[in-house]
Amino acid sequence: MRRGLTLAVLKYVAGNLVSTFLRIANTPSTIGVVRSLSSHRFIAACVLVSFCFITGCGGNARDIVGTWRTSPDPNAMIWEFSNDGSVLMGPNRGRYTFGDNNRIKIETSIATSVYQIELVGDKMTLKEPNGSKLVLTRVK
């Protein structure tokens, strides 16, 4: 959902960029300046801006991938987040997705939970709406 929304925003922004560029290019006071820029440079700039938008999205998605432990105890439950959106919490398999405002939804056959997520270094804090917290530590 988030990636679809991002792509829709990119299409809208790109469309507005092109229309603005064409309007400026046809204004008499800027014709000489704009025509001195090659269309290849303009296209390269648009591609670069689009790439920055796309790669800037999903920061938590990349940071969360890996193995996490619920406590320092070696026998503590392990959570494993994969690139494909799957999560393994002990013996339970599920899926995770990111929402807005740093929220993560974790769906398993047992339950669906939404948490406020905070990632700082090797610590991940999942806060429930009722205020309870679960702190996970990255396993190296």
Protein backbone atom coordinates (compact mmCIF):
# COMPACT_ATOMS: atom_id res chain seq x y z
CA MET A 1 0.00 0.00 0.00
CA ARG A 2 2.73 2.45 0.96
CA ARG A 3 4.78 1.72 -2.17
CA GLY A 4 1.64 2.11 -4.35
CA LEU A 5 0.91 5.46 -2.77
CA THR A 6 4.53 6.51 -3.25
CA LEU A 7 4.41 5.59 -6.93
CA ALA A 8 1.18 7.54 -7.39
CA VAL A 9 2.78 10.59 -5.76
CA LEU A 10 5.87 10.21 -7.97
CA LYS A 11 3.73 10.11 -11.12
CA TYR A 12 1.88 13.21 -10.01
CA VAL A 13 5.10 15.08 -9.16
CA ALA A 14 6.79 14.00 -12.41
CA GLY A 15 3.77 15.14 -14.41
CA ASN A 16 3.80 18.52 -12.69
CA LEU A 17 7.56 18.86 -13.19
CA VAL A 18 7.27 18.26 -16.93
CA SER A 19 4.32 20.64 -17.31
CA THR A 20 6.12 23.34 -15.30
CA PHE A 21 9.29 22.87 -17.34
CA LEU A 22 7.38 23.18 -20.60
CA ARG A 23 5.59 26.32 -19.38
CA ILE A 24 8.92 27.90 -18.34
CA ALA A 25 10.57 26.85 -21.60
CA ASN A 26 7.95 28.77 -23.60
CA THR A 27 8.22 31.97 -21.54
CA PRO A 28 10.11 34.58 -23.64
CA SER A 29 12.41 35.69 -20.80
CA THR A 30 13.65 32.15 -20.15
CA ILE A 31 13.82 30.68 -23.64
CA GLY A 32 17.57 31.25 -24.00
CA VAL A 33 18.39 29.88 -20.55
CA VAL A 34 16.22 26.79 -20.79
CA ARG A 35 17.24 25.96 -24.34
CA SER A 36 20.87 26.10 -23.27
CA LEU A 37 20.14 23.12 -21.01
CA SER A 38 20.05 19.92 -22.98
CA SER A 39 16.98 17.76 -22.70
CA HIS A 40 19.26 14.91 -21.63
CA ARG A 41 20.32 16.82 -18.53
CA PHE A 42 16.71 17.58 -17.67
CA ILE A 43 15.71 13.93 -18.05
CA ALA A 44 18.72 12.82 -16.00
CA ALA A 45 17.76 15.26 -13.24
CA CYS A 46 14.17 13.97 -13.21
CA VAL A 47 15.36 10.36 -13.05
CA LEU A 48 17.74 11.22 -10.21
CA VAL A 49 15.01 12.97 -8.20
CA SER A 50 12.63 10.05 -8.77
CA PHE A 51 15.30 7.56 -7.69
CA CYS A 52 15.91 9.54 -4.49
CA PHE A 53 12.19 9.50 -3.70
CA ILE A 54 11.90 5.76 -4.31
CA THR A 55 15.00 4.72 -2.37
CA GLY A 56 14.20 7.08 0.49
CA CYS A 57 10.97 5.24 1.18
CA GLY A 58 10.73 2.25 3.50
CA GLY A 59 13.64 3.09 5.76
CA ASN A 60 12.30 0.91 8.57
CA ALA A 61 11.69 -1.92 6.10
CA ARG A 62 15.40 -2.31 5.45
CA ASP A 63 16.46 -1.64 9.03
CA ILE A 64 14.14 -4.22 10.55
CA VAL A 65 15.36 -7.19 8.48
CA GLY A 66 17.34 -9.63 10.58
CA THR A 67 17.18 -11.56 13.82
CA TRP A 68 16.02 -10.00 17.10
CA ARG A 69 15.85 -11.35 20.67
CA THR A 70 13.23 -10.35 23.26
CA SER A 71 15.72 -10.33 26.15
CA PRO A 72 19.42 -10.95 26.87
CA ASP A 73 18.56 -14.51 28.01
CA PRO A 74 19.99 -16.97 25.45
CA ASN A 75 16.71 -18.94 25.62
CA ALA A 76 14.56 -15.87 24.92
CA MET A 77 12.19 -15.87 21.96
CA ILE A 78 13.75 -15.00 18.61
CA TRP A 79 11.99 -12.83 16.03
CA GLU A 80 13.22 -13.02 12.43
CA PHE A 81 12.13 -10.37 9.93
CA SER A 82 12.73 -11.12 6.23
CA ASN A 83 12.95 -8.85 3.16
CA ASP A 84 9.77 -10.36 1.72
CA GLY A 85 7.56 -9.12 4.58
CA SER A 86 7.49 -12.40 6.48
CA VAL A 87 8.24 -12.70 10.17
CA LEU A 88 8.96 -15.70 12.37
CA MET A 89 8.26 -15.19 16.08
CA GLY A 90 9.42 -18.33 17.83
CA PRO A 91 7.32 -21.07 16.19
CA ASN A 92 4.70 -18.62 14.81
CA ARG A 93 4.87 -17.42 11.23
CA GLY A 94 3.31 -14.19 10.04
CA ARG A 95 3.51 -11.15 7.79
CA TYR A 96 4.45 -7.57 8.58
CA THR A 97 3.64 -4.31 6.80
CA PHE A 98 4.43 -0.71 7.57
CA GLY A 99 1.79 1.96 7.93
CA ASP A 100 2.06 5.68 8.42
CA ASN A 101 3.48 7.40 11.51
CA ASN A 102 6.08 4.66 12.15
CA ARG A 103 3.50 1.94 12.64
CA ILE A 104 3.95 -1.74 11.88
CA LYS A 105 1.19 -4.31 11.53
CA ILE A 106 2.06 -7.92 12.32
CA GLU A 107 -0.45 -10.55 11.22
CA THR A 108 -0.28 -14.19 12.30
CA SER A 109 -2.83 -17.01 12.34
CA ILE A 110 -3.30 -16.24 16.05
CA ALA A 111 -3.74 -12.46 16.03
CA THR A 112 -3.15 -9.16 14.25
CA SER A 113 -1.32 -6.44 16.17
CA VAL A 114 -0.39 -2.86 15.32
CA TYR A 115 2.58 -1.28 17.07
CA GLN A 116 4.34 2.06 17.08
CA ILE A 117 7.89 1.14 16.07
CA GLU A 118 11.08 2.88 17.14
CA LEU A 119 14.49 1.76 15.88
CA VAL A 120 17.59 3.11 17.58
CA GLY A 121 20.83 1.32 16.81
CA ASP A 122 20.41 -2.35 17.71
CA LYS A 123 17.24 -1.77 19.77
CA MET A 124 13.71 -2.00 18.41
CA THR A 125 10.83 -0.89 20.60
CA LEU A 126 7.29 -1.95 19.75
CA LYS A 127 4.67 0.07 21.64
CA GLU A 128 1.07 -1.06 21.83
CA PRO A 129 -1.79 1.47 21.92
CA ASN A 130 -2.41 0.60 25.59
CA GLY A 131 1.13 1.73 26.45
CA SER A 132 2.88 -1.60 26.95
CA LYS A 133 6.27 -1.99 25.26
CA LEU A 134 8.31 -4.81 23.86
CA VAL A 135 12.03 -4.11 23.43
CA LEU A 136 13.96 -6.33 21.03
CA THR A 137 17.73 -6.44 20.61
CA ARG A 138 19.39 -7.29 17.29
CA VAL A 139 21.27 -10.60 17.30
CA LYS A 140 24.71 -10.24 15.71
